[in-house]
Amino acid sequence: DLTPDEIKRISEKLGIKDSVMLGSSGVLNNRSLHFKNEPARHKLLDMMGDLALIGVPFKAQILAARPGHASNIEFARIIRKLYQQKKLVKKFQHERKEGVVFDINAIQKILPHRYPFLLIDKIIEFKMDERIVGVKNVTINEPFFIGHFPGQPVMPGVLIIEAMAQTGGILLLNGVENPGDKLVFFMSINNAKFRKPVMPGDQVVFELSMVSRKSRICQMSGKAFVDGNLVAEADMMASIVDRQDKSSGNGSAATVGATPQTKPAFN
């Protein structure tokens, strides 16, 4: 409890001329409220100010129970992230397609890879800085099937990892200006495991999650599935560099994907 002397000292510091007393209601002075719902109005103005941190105008109906600055700011952060994600997708994907975030045309705007080394057909899920899901349709027309293996075509494990890395490269898009001017070098590939072979006719679904991202160093965890069955998985670390800068990383000088340093089982 505050003593009368402490209350007087606080009043002088705050410049309160009216008498101040302790009350059970929590109001520190005897000044009447301007409005009956003044506390609610105060909370409303707090929320409006906090949501201004989103940085763009928006039209919405917002219902809040017991809001505070911490929850308001976190809510604003979520909305801003969704806005940035939609803005990012719209930048590359001009034609709306149901169930597709980035089609092959958008992917070619993001990744510099081209035939025969562009190994992703579409992106079907994209959560900025969190998760991405890509799809690769494997056909007998893939050039590597000519020699791997004659009479029993099997997709090389290194290319499964490469396709996984290309999918992850799109996840790294956020925060990178002019992604076409960047390269991504593998720094390490760990815990690479190959469960089942991938053959012509399979549709491989790559699911990658961002583990950590510090400046230009990123860690991702990836898995590959065929018909819901896990066929491959790996943990990867990569470094984002400018095209002219070849001093970073020990991997090959491929762009967003690179040849792994570990040899897969089906190679």
C-alpha atoms as a PDB file:
ATOM      1  CA  ASP A   1       0.000   0.000   0.000  1.00  0.00           C
ATOM      2  CA  LEU A   2       1.101   3.543  -0.713  1.00  0.00           C
ATOM      3  CA  THR A   3       1.606   5.973   2.139  1.00  0.00           C
ATOM      4  CA  PRO A   4       0.126   9.506   1.959  1.00  0.00           C
ATOM      5  CA  ASP A   5       3.627  10.893   1.397  1.00  0.00           C
ATOM      6  CA  GLU A   6       4.206   8.521  -1.536  1.00  0.00           C
ATOM      7  CA  ILE A   7       0.840   9.459  -3.057  1.00  0.00           C
ATOM      8  CA  LYS A   8       1.719  13.153  -2.728  1.00  0.00           C
ATOM      9  CA  ARG A   9       5.105  12.602  -4.370  1.00  0.00           C
ATOM     10  CA  ILE A  10       3.522  10.720  -7.286  1.00  0.00           C
ATOM     11  CA  SER A  11       0.911  13.473  -7.699  1.00  0.00           C
ATOM     12  CA  GLU A  12       3.615  16.119  -7.906  1.00  0.00           C
ATOM     13  CA  LYS A  13       5.588  14.108 -10.475  1.00  0.00           C
ATOM     14  CA  LEU A  14       2.507  13.620 -12.645  1.00  0.00           C
ATOM     15  CA  GLY A  15       1.398  17.222 -12.248  1.00  0.00           C
ATOM     16  CA  ILE A  16      -1.959  16.309 -10.709  1.00  0.00           C
ATOM     17  CA  LYS A  17      -3.427  19.321  -8.901  1.00  0.00           C
ATOM     18  CA  ASP A  18      -6.554  17.604  -7.593  1.00  0.00           C
ATOM     19  CA  SER A  19      -6.424  15.582  -4.426  1.00  0.00           C
ATOM     20  CA  VAL A  20      -5.459  11.940  -4.917  1.00  0.00           C
ATOM     21  CA  MET A  21      -6.706   9.084  -2.771  1.00  0.00           C
ATOM     22  CA  LEU A  22      -6.682   5.305  -2.780  1.00  0.00           C
ATOM     23  CA  GLY A  23      -9.947   3.638  -3.684  1.00  0.00           C
ATOM     24  CA  SER A  24     -11.223   0.102  -4.043  1.00  0.00           C
ATOM     25  CA  SER A  25     -12.293   0.724  -7.655  1.00  0.00           C
ATOM     26  CA  GLY A  26      -8.753   1.314  -8.846  1.00  0.00           C
ATOM     27  CA  VAL A  27      -9.331   4.951  -9.870  1.00  0.00           C
ATOM     28  CA  LEU A  28      -6.514   7.087  -8.429  1.00  0.00           C
ATOM     29  CA  ASN A  29      -8.253  10.435  -8.383  1.00  0.00           C
ATOM     30  CA  ASN A  30     -11.678  11.905  -7.867  1.00  0.00           C
ATOM     31  CA  ARG A  31     -12.012  13.279 -11.382  1.00  0.00           C
ATOM     32  CA  SER A  32     -15.156  12.101 -13.152  1.00  0.00           C
ATOM     33  CA  LEU A  33     -14.961  10.213 -16.438  1.00  0.00           C
ATOM     34  CA  HIS A  34     -15.650  12.072 -19.676  1.00  0.00           C
ATOM     35  CA  PHE A  35     -17.757   9.159 -20.933  1.00  0.00           C
ATOM     36  CA  LYS A  36     -19.462   6.253 -19.214  1.00  0.00           C
ATOM     37  CA  ASN A  37     -17.577   3.842 -21.464  1.00  0.00           C
ATOM     38  CA  GLU A  38     -14.284   5.739 -21.326  1.00  0.00           C
ATOM     39  CA  PRO A  39     -12.192   2.630 -20.422  1.00  0.00           C
ATOM     40  CA  ALA A  40     -13.659   0.801 -23.427  1.00  0.00           C
ATOM     41  CA  ARG A  41     -12.921   3.777 -25.671  1.00  0.00           C
ATOM     42  CA  HIS A  42      -9.368   3.849 -24.365  1.00  0.00           C
ATOM     43  CA  LYS A  43      -8.942   0.155 -25.242  1.00  0.00           C
ATOM     44  CA  LEU A  44     -10.446   0.769 -28.677  1.00  0.00           C
ATOM     45  CA  LEU A  45      -8.018   3.595 -29.420  1.00  0.00           C
ATOM     46  CA  ASP A  46      -5.150   1.438 -28.169  1.00  0.00           C
ATOM     47  CA  MET A  47      -6.144  -1.284 -30.623  1.00  0.00           C
ATOM     48  CA  MET A  48      -6.485   1.166 -33.521  1.00  0.00           C
ATOM     49  CA  GLY A  49      -3.034   2.524 -32.806  1.00  0.00           C
ATOM     50  CA  ASP A  50      -1.483  -0.926 -32.492  1.00  0.00           C
ATOM     51  CA  LEU A  51      -3.106  -2.163 -35.718  1.00  0.00           C
ATOM     52  CA  ALA A  52      -1.650   0.838 -37.526  1.00  0.00           C
ATOM     53  CA  LEU A  53       1.634  -1.071 -37.274  1.00  0.00           C
ATOM     54  CA  ILE A  54       0.346  -3.272 -40.112  1.00  0.00           C
ATOM     55  CA  GLY A  55       1.430  -0.441 -42.378  1.00  0.00           C
ATOM     56  CA  VAL A  56      -1.381  -0.649 -44.931  1.00  0.00           C
ATOM     57  CA  PRO A  57      -5.073   0.350 -44.918  1.00  0.00           C
ATOM     58  CA  PHE A  58      -7.483  -2.518 -44.356  1.00  0.00           C
ATOM     59  CA  LYS A  59     -11.233  -2.956 -43.977  1.00  0.00           C
ATOM     60  CA  ALA A  60     -12.379  -5.428 -41.342  1.00  0.00           C
ATOM     61  CA  GLN A  61     -14.658  -6.047 -38.392  1.00  0.00           C
ATOM     62  CA  ILE A  62     -12.616  -6.853 -35.302  1.00  0.00           C
ATOM     63  CA  LEU A  63     -14.071  -8.300 -32.108  1.00  0.00           C
ATOM     64  CA  ALA A  64     -11.780  -8.311 -29.094  1.00  0.00           C
ATOM     65  CA  ALA A  65     -12.166  -9.479 -25.500  1.00  0.00           C
ATOM     66  CA  ARG A  66      -9.827  -7.933 -22.925  1.00  0.00           C
ATOM     67  CA  PRO A  67      -7.301  -6.692 -25.525  1.00  0.00           C
ATOM     68  CA  GLY A  68      -3.887  -5.405 -24.564  1.00  0.00           C
ATOM     69  CA  HIS A  69      -0.868  -3.980 -26.347  1.00  0.00           C
ATOM     70  CA  ALA A  70       0.967  -7.324 -26.450  1.00  0.00           C
ATOM     71  CA  SER A  71      -1.942  -9.241 -28.000  1.00  0.00           C
ATOM     72  CA  ASN A  72      -2.782  -6.346 -30.339  1.00  0.00           C
ATOM     73  CA  ILE A  73       0.766  -6.161 -31.677  1.00  0.00           C
ATOM     74  CA  GLU A  74       0.941  -9.929 -32.160  1.00  0.00           C
ATOM     75  CA  PHE A  75      -2.372  -9.790 -34.042  1.00  0.00           C
ATOM     76  CA  ALA A  76      -1.027  -6.961 -36.214  1.00  0.00           C
ATOM     77  CA  ARG A  77       2.103  -9.003 -36.902  1.00  0.00           C
ATOM     78  CA  ILE A  78      -0.002 -11.952 -38.119  1.00  0.00           C
ATOM     79  CA  ILE A  79      -2.096  -9.754 -40.417  1.00  0.00           C
ATOM     80  CA  ARG A  80       0.988  -8.037 -41.835  1.00  0.00           C
ATOM     81  CA  LYS A  81       2.609 -11.395 -42.533  1.00  0.00           C
ATOM     82  CA  LEU A  82      -0.489 -12.585 -44.423  1.00  0.00           C
ATOM     83  CA  TYR A  83      -0.501  -9.348 -46.410  1.00  0.00           C
ATOM     84  CA  GLN A  84       3.187  -9.694 -47.303  1.00  0.00           C
ATOM     85  CA  GLN A  85       2.655 -13.325 -48.309  1.00  0.00           C
ATOM     86  CA  LYS A  86      -0.228 -12.492 -50.653  1.00  0.00           C
ATOM     87  CA  LYS A  87       1.748  -9.600 -52.098  1.00  0.00           C
ATOM     88  CA  LEU A  88       4.693 -11.913 -52.698  1.00  0.00           C
ATOM     89  CA  VAL A  89       2.560 -14.568 -54.399  1.00  0.00           C
ATOM     90  CA  LYS A  90       0.819 -11.983 -56.572  1.00  0.00           C
ATOM     91  CA  LYS A  91       4.190 -10.661 -57.731  1.00  0.00           C
ATOM     92  CA  PHE A  92       5.024 -13.948 -59.478  1.00  0.00           C
ATOM     93  CA  GLN A  93       1.695 -15.761 -59.935  1.00  0.00           C
ATOM     94  CA  HIS A  94      -0.542 -13.638 -62.165  1.00  0.00           C
ATOM     95  CA  GLU A  95      -3.112 -16.272 -63.152  1.00  0.00           C
ATOM     96  CA  ARG A  96      -5.273 -17.682 -60.381  1.00  0.00           C
ATOM     97  CA  LYS A  97      -5.420 -21.476 -60.337  1.00  0.00           C
ATOM     98  CA  GLU A  98      -7.325 -23.517 -57.799  1.00  0.00           C
ATOM     99  CA  GLY A  99      -5.015 -25.498 -55.538  1.00  0.00           C
ATOM    100  CA  VAL A 100      -1.873 -23.858 -56.970  1.00  0.00           C
ATOM    101  CA  VAL A 101       0.203 -21.129 -55.328  1.00  0.00           C
ATOM    102  CA  PHE A 102       2.961 -20.981 -57.971  1.00  0.00           C
ATOM    103  CA  ASP A 103       2.646 -22.682 -61.364  1.00  0.00           C
ATOM    104  CA  ILE A 104       5.604 -23.562 -63.578  1.00  0.00           C
ATOM    105  CA  ASN A 105       5.637 -20.089 -65.168  1.00  0.00           C
ATOM    106  CA  ALA A 106       5.874 -18.423 -61.759  1.00  0.00           C
ATOM    107  CA  ILE A 107       8.555 -20.883 -60.639  1.00  0.00           C
ATOM    108  CA  GLN A 108      10.695 -19.948 -63.642  1.00  0.00           C
ATOM    109  CA  LYS A 109      10.481 -16.305 -62.564  1.00  0.00           C
ATOM    110  CA  ILE A 110      11.779 -17.247 -59.117  1.00  0.00           C
ATOM    111  CA  LEU A 111      14.339 -19.963 -59.861  1.00  0.00           C
ATOM    112  CA  PRO A 112      16.993 -19.592 -62.566  1.00  0.00           C
ATOM    113  CA  HIS A 113      16.984 -23.345 -63.265  1.00  0.00           C
ATOM    114  CA  ARG A 114      15.932 -24.531 -66.707  1.00  0.00           C
ATOM    115  CA  TYR A 115      15.560 -27.837 -68.534  1.00  0.00           C
ATOM    116  CA  PRO A 116      16.827 -30.400 -67.806  1.00  0.00           C
ATOM    117  CA  PHE A 117      17.554 -29.244 -64.261  1.00  0.00           C
ATOM    118  CA  LEU A 118      14.294 -27.583 -63.231  1.00  0.00           C
ATOM    119  CA  LEU A 119      12.793 -30.329 -61.110  1.00  0.00           C
ATOM    120  CA  ILE A 120       9.662 -28.729 -59.615  1.00  0.00           C
ATOM    121  CA  ASP A 121       6.354 -28.427 -61.492  1.00  0.00           C
ATOM    122  CA  LYS A 122       4.217 -26.439 -59.049  1.00  0.00           C
ATOM    123  CA  ILE A 123       3.906 -25.157 -55.485  1.00  0.00           C
ATOM    124  CA  ILE A 124       0.636 -26.045 -53.763  1.00  0.00           C
ATOM    125  CA  GLU A 125       1.225 -24.592 -50.287  1.00  0.00           C
ATOM    126  CA  PHE A 126       3.269 -21.627 -49.125  1.00  0.00           C
ATOM    127  CA  LYS A 127       3.497 -20.172 -45.620  1.00  0.00           C
ATOM    128  CA  MET A 128       6.076 -17.436 -45.587  1.00  0.00           C
ATOM    129  CA  ASP A 129       9.109 -18.196 -43.419  1.00  0.00           C
ATOM    130  CA  GLU A 130       7.475 -21.417 -42.219  1.00  0.00           C
ATOM    131  CA  ARG A 131       6.564 -24.114 -44.722  1.00  0.00           C
ATOM    132  CA  ILE A 132       6.263 -24.934 -48.418  1.00  0.00           C
ATOM    133  CA  VAL A 133       4.915 -27.881 -50.405  1.00  0.00           C
ATOM    134  CA  GLY A 134       6.013 -28.570 -53.987  1.00  0.00           C
ATOM    135  CA  VAL A 135       5.104 -31.217 -56.557  1.00  0.00           C
ATOM    136  CA  LYS A 136       7.237 -33.048 -59.119  1.00  0.00           C
ATOM    137  CA  ASN A 137       5.568 -35.275 -61.717  1.00  0.00           C
ATOM    138  CA  VAL A 138       8.074 -37.942 -62.714  1.00  0.00           C
ATOM    139  CA  THR A 139       7.769 -39.199 -66.308  1.00  0.00           C
ATOM    140  CA  ILE A 140       9.731 -41.640 -68.438  1.00  0.00           C
ATOM    141  CA  ASN A 141      10.779 -38.648 -70.579  1.00  0.00           C
ATOM    142  CA  GLU A 142      13.211 -37.487 -67.879  1.00  0.00           C
ATOM    143  CA  PRO A 143      16.686 -37.577 -69.512  1.00  0.00           C
ATOM    144  CA  PHE A 144      18.362 -39.319 -66.567  1.00  0.00           C
ATOM    145  CA  PHE A 145      16.229 -42.444 -67.045  1.00  0.00           C
ATOM    146  CA  ILE A 146      18.179 -43.251 -70.218  1.00  0.00           C
ATOM    147  CA  GLY A 147      21.104 -44.476 -68.154  1.00  0.00           C
ATOM    148  CA  HIS A 148      19.620 -44.859 -64.663  1.00  0.00           C
ATOM    149  CA  PHE A 149      18.935 -47.730 -65.120  1.00  0.00           C
ATOM    150  CA  PRO A 150      18.318 -49.293 -68.564  1.00  0.00           C
ATOM    151  CA  GLY A 151      15.338 -51.610 -68.226  1.00  0.00           C
ATOM    152  CA  GLN A 152      14.605 -50.509 -64.649  1.00  0.00           C
ATOM    153  CA  PRO A 153      14.289 -46.706 -64.462  1.00  0.00           C
ATOM    154  CA  VAL A 154      14.833 -45.229 -60.979  1.00  0.00           C
ATOM    155  CA  MET A 155      15.102 -41.516 -60.165  1.00  0.00           C
ATOM    156  CA  PRO A 156      18.591 -40.806 -58.752  1.00  0.00           C
ATOM    157  CA  GLY A 157      18.596 -39.968 -55.071  1.00  0.00           C
ATOM    158  CA  VAL A 158      20.750 -36.884 -55.671  1.00  0.00           C
ATOM    159  CA  LEU A 159      18.010 -35.469 -57.896  1.00  0.00           C
ATOM    160  CA  ILE A 160      15.364 -36.129 -55.251  1.00  0.00           C
ATOM    161  CA  ILE A 161      17.455 -34.020 -52.875  1.00  0.00           C
ATOM    162  CA  GLU A 162      17.983 -31.451 -55.644  1.00  0.00           C
ATOM    163  CA  ALA A 163      14.228 -31.145 -56.231  1.00  0.00           C
ATOM    164  CA  MET A 164      13.744 -30.849 -52.483  1.00  0.00           C
ATOM    165  CA  ALA A 165      16.325 -28.041 -52.400  1.00  0.00           C
ATOM    166  CA  GLN A 166      14.660 -26.197 -55.271  1.00  0.00           C
ATOM    167  CA  THR A 167      11.365 -26.309 -53.384  1.00  0.00           C
ATOM    168  CA  GLY A 168      13.119 -24.940 -50.311  1.00  0.00           C
ATOM    169  CA  GLY A 169      14.712 -22.224 -52.427  1.00  0.00           C
ATOM    170  CA  ILE A 170      11.282 -20.724 -53.033  1.00  0.00           C
ATOM    171  CA  LEU A 171      10.691 -20.709 -49.279  1.00  0.00           C
ATOM    172  CA  LEU A 172      13.806 -18.536 -48.968  1.00  0.00           C
ATOM    173  CA  LEU A 173      12.298 -15.996 -51.363  1.00  0.00           C
ATOM    174  CA  ASN A 174      10.944 -13.756 -48.605  1.00  0.00           C
ATOM    175  CA  GLY A 175      13.366 -11.050 -47.575  1.00  0.00           C
ATOM    176  CA  VAL A 176      15.565 -11.442 -50.671  1.00  0.00           C
ATOM    177  CA  GLU A 177      15.549  -8.570 -53.126  1.00  0.00           C
ATOM    178  CA  ASN A 178      15.850  -9.549 -56.788  1.00  0.00           C
ATOM    179  CA  PRO A 179      15.910 -13.329 -56.219  1.00  0.00           C
ATOM    180  CA  GLY A 180      16.974 -13.835 -59.824  1.00  0.00           C
ATOM    181  CA  ASP A 181      20.311 -12.227 -58.952  1.00  0.00           C
ATOM    182  CA  LYS A 182      20.987 -14.641 -56.088  1.00  0.00           C
ATOM    183  CA  LEU A 183      22.489 -18.103 -55.773  1.00  0.00           C
ATOM    184  CA  VAL A 184      22.014 -20.548 -52.936  1.00  0.00           C
ATOM    185  CA  PHE A 185      24.925 -22.815 -52.019  1.00  0.00           C
ATOM    186  CA  PHE A 186      24.622 -25.944 -49.947  1.00  0.00           C
ATOM    187  CA  MET A 187      26.713 -25.723 -46.804  1.00  0.00           C
ATOM    188  CA  SER A 188      25.699 -29.105 -45.434  1.00  0.00           C
ATOM    189  CA  ILE A 189      23.244 -31.976 -45.894  1.00  0.00           C
ATOM    190  CA  ASN A 190      22.591 -34.113 -42.853  1.00  0.00           C
ATOM    191  CA  ASN A 191      20.441 -37.106 -41.995  1.00  0.00           C
ATOM    192  CA  ALA A 192      19.706 -37.866 -45.656  1.00  0.00           C
ATOM    193  CA  LYS A 193      17.689 -41.077 -45.878  1.00  0.00           C
ATOM    194  CA  PHE A 194      16.056 -42.789 -48.830  1.00  0.00           C
ATOM    195  CA  ARG A 195      13.167 -45.092 -47.982  1.00  0.00           C
ATOM    196  CA  LYS A 196      11.779 -46.168 -51.350  1.00  0.00           C
ATOM    197  CA  PRO A 197      12.759 -45.730 -55.022  1.00  0.00           C
ATOM    198  CA  VAL A 198      10.973 -43.160 -57.179  1.00  0.00           C
ATOM    199  CA  MET A 199       9.944 -44.403 -60.620  1.00  0.00           C
ATOM    200  CA  PRO A 200       8.270 -43.043 -63.775  1.00  0.00           C
ATOM    201  CA  GLY A 201       4.602 -42.299 -63.142  1.00  0.00           C
ATOM    202  CA  ASP A 202       5.153 -41.247 -59.531  1.00  0.00           C
ATOM    203  CA  GLN A 203       4.122 -37.850 -58.255  1.00  0.00           C
ATOM    204  CA  VAL A 204       6.571 -36.689 -55.607  1.00  0.00           C
ATOM    205  CA  VAL A 205       5.334 -34.218 -52.996  1.00  0.00           C
ATOM    206  CA  PHE A 206       8.063 -32.263 -51.212  1.00  0.00           C
ATOM    207  CA  GLU A 207       7.318 -30.778 -47.796  1.00  0.00           C
ATOM    208  CA  LEU A 208       9.900 -28.404 -46.342  1.00  0.00           C
ATOM    209  CA  SER A 209       9.905 -26.481 -43.078  1.00  0.00           C
ATOM    210  CA  MET A 210      12.134 -23.594 -42.071  1.00  0.00           C
ATOM    211  CA  VAL A 211      14.137 -24.548 -38.991  1.00  0.00           C
ATOM    212  CA  SER A 212      16.060 -21.298 -38.604  1.00  0.00           C
ATOM    213  CA  ARG A 213      17.115 -18.291 -40.628  1.00  0.00           C
ATOM    214  CA  LYS A 214      19.827 -15.861 -39.621  1.00  0.00           C
ATOM    215  CA  SER A 215      20.775 -13.230 -42.153  1.00  0.00           C
ATOM    216  CA  ARG A 216      21.785 -15.239 -45.242  1.00  0.00           C
ATOM    217  CA  ILE A 217      22.202 -18.609 -43.521  1.00  0.00           C
ATOM    218  CA  CYS A 218      19.173 -20.897 -43.542  1.00  0.00           C
ATOM    219  CA  GLN A 219      18.386 -24.324 -42.132  1.00  0.00           C
ATOM    220  CA  MET A 220      15.539 -26.417 -43.514  1.00  0.00           C
ATOM    221  CA  SER A 221      14.088 -29.851 -42.927  1.00  0.00           C
ATOM    222  CA  GLY A 222      12.591 -31.643 -45.916  1.00  0.00           C
ATOM    223  CA  LYS A 223      10.614 -34.773 -46.700  1.00  0.00           C
ATOM    224  CA  ALA A 224       9.490 -36.351 -49.974  1.00  0.00           C
ATOM    225  CA  PHE A 225       6.329 -38.434 -50.334  1.00  0.00           C
ATOM    226  CA  VAL A 226       4.788 -40.612 -53.042  1.00  0.00           C
ATOM    227  CA  ASP A 227       1.138 -41.578 -52.505  1.00  0.00           C
ATOM    228  CA  GLY A 228       1.492 -40.484 -48.895  1.00  0.00           C
ATOM    229  CA  ASN A 229       4.478 -42.758 -48.273  1.00  0.00           C
ATOM    230  CA  LEU A 230       7.797 -41.261 -47.179  1.00  0.00           C
ATOM    231  CA  VAL A 231      10.445 -41.876 -49.848  1.00  0.00           C
ATOM    232  CA  ALA A 232      13.235 -39.502 -48.754  1.00  0.00           C
ATOM    233  CA  GLU A 233      14.161 -36.963 -46.095  1.00  0.00           C
ATOM    234  CA  ALA A 234      17.073 -34.666 -45.284  1.00  0.00           C
ATOM    235  CA  ASP A 235      18.168 -31.670 -43.215  1.00  0.00           C
ATOM    236  CA  MET A 236      19.867 -28.928 -45.201  1.00  0.00           C
ATOM    237  CA  MET A 237      21.825 -25.755 -44.518  1.00  0.00           C
ATOM    238  CA  ALA A 238      22.302 -23.180 -47.249  1.00  0.00           C
ATOM    239  CA  SER A 239      23.874 -19.781 -47.796  1.00  0.00           C
ATOM    240  CA  ILE A 240      22.340 -17.080 -50.002  1.00  0.00           C
ATOM    241  CA  VAL A 241      24.954 -15.230 -52.062  1.00  0.00           C
ATOM    242  CA  ASP A 242      25.076 -12.813 -54.972  1.00  0.00           C
ATOM    243  CA  ARG A 243      25.707 -14.384 -58.359  1.00  0.00           C
ATOM    244  CA  GLN A 244      29.186 -12.838 -58.569  1.00  0.00           C
ATOM    245  CA  ASP A 245      30.131 -13.834 -54.989  1.00  0.00           C
ATOM    246  CA  LYS A 246      31.610 -17.348 -55.040  1.00  0.00           C
ATOM    247  CA  SER A 247      33.364 -17.257 -51.693  1.00  0.00           C
ATOM    248  CA  SER A 248      30.533 -18.694 -49.570  1.00  0.00           C
ATOM    249  CA  GLY A 249      29.660 -22.331 -49.091  1.00  0.00           C
ATOM    250  CA  ASN A 250      31.404 -25.533 -49.976  1.00  0.00           C
ATOM    251  CA  GLY A 251      28.675 -26.954 -52.194  1.00  0.00           C
ATOM    252  CA  SER A 252      28.522 -26.802 -55.959  1.00  0.00           C
ATOM    253  CA  ALA A 253      27.762 -23.524 -57.706  1.00  0.00           C
ATOM    254  CA  ALA A 254      24.215 -24.475 -58.566  1.00  0.00           C
ATOM    255  CA  THR A 255      21.520 -21.925 -57.915  1.00  0.00           C
ATOM    256  CA  VAL A 256      18.792 -22.492 -55.368  1.00  0.00           C
ATOM    257  CA  GLY A 257      19.468 -26.215 -55.586  1.00  0.00           C
ATOM    258  CA  ALA A 258      22.853 -27.921 -55.577  1.00  0.00           C
ATOM    259  CA  THR A 259      24.389 -31.350 -55.853  1.00  0.00           C
ATOM    260  CA  PRO A 260      24.500 -32.904 -52.366  1.00  0.00           C
ATOM    261  CA  GLN A 261      27.787 -33.766 -50.748  1.00  0.00           C
ATOM    262  CA  THR A 262      26.429 -37.098 -49.506  1.00  0.00           C
ATOM    263  CA  LYS A 263      25.710 -39.936 -51.902  1.00  0.00           C
ATOM    264  CA  PRO A 264      22.106 -41.180 -51.853  1.00  0.00           C
ATOM    265  CA  ALA A 265      21.258 -44.856 -51.678  1.00  0.00           C
ATOM    266  CA  PHE A 266      19.625 -45.049 -55.083  1.00  0.00           C
ATOM    267  CA  ASN A 267      22.492 -43.447 -56.979  1.00  0.00           C
END
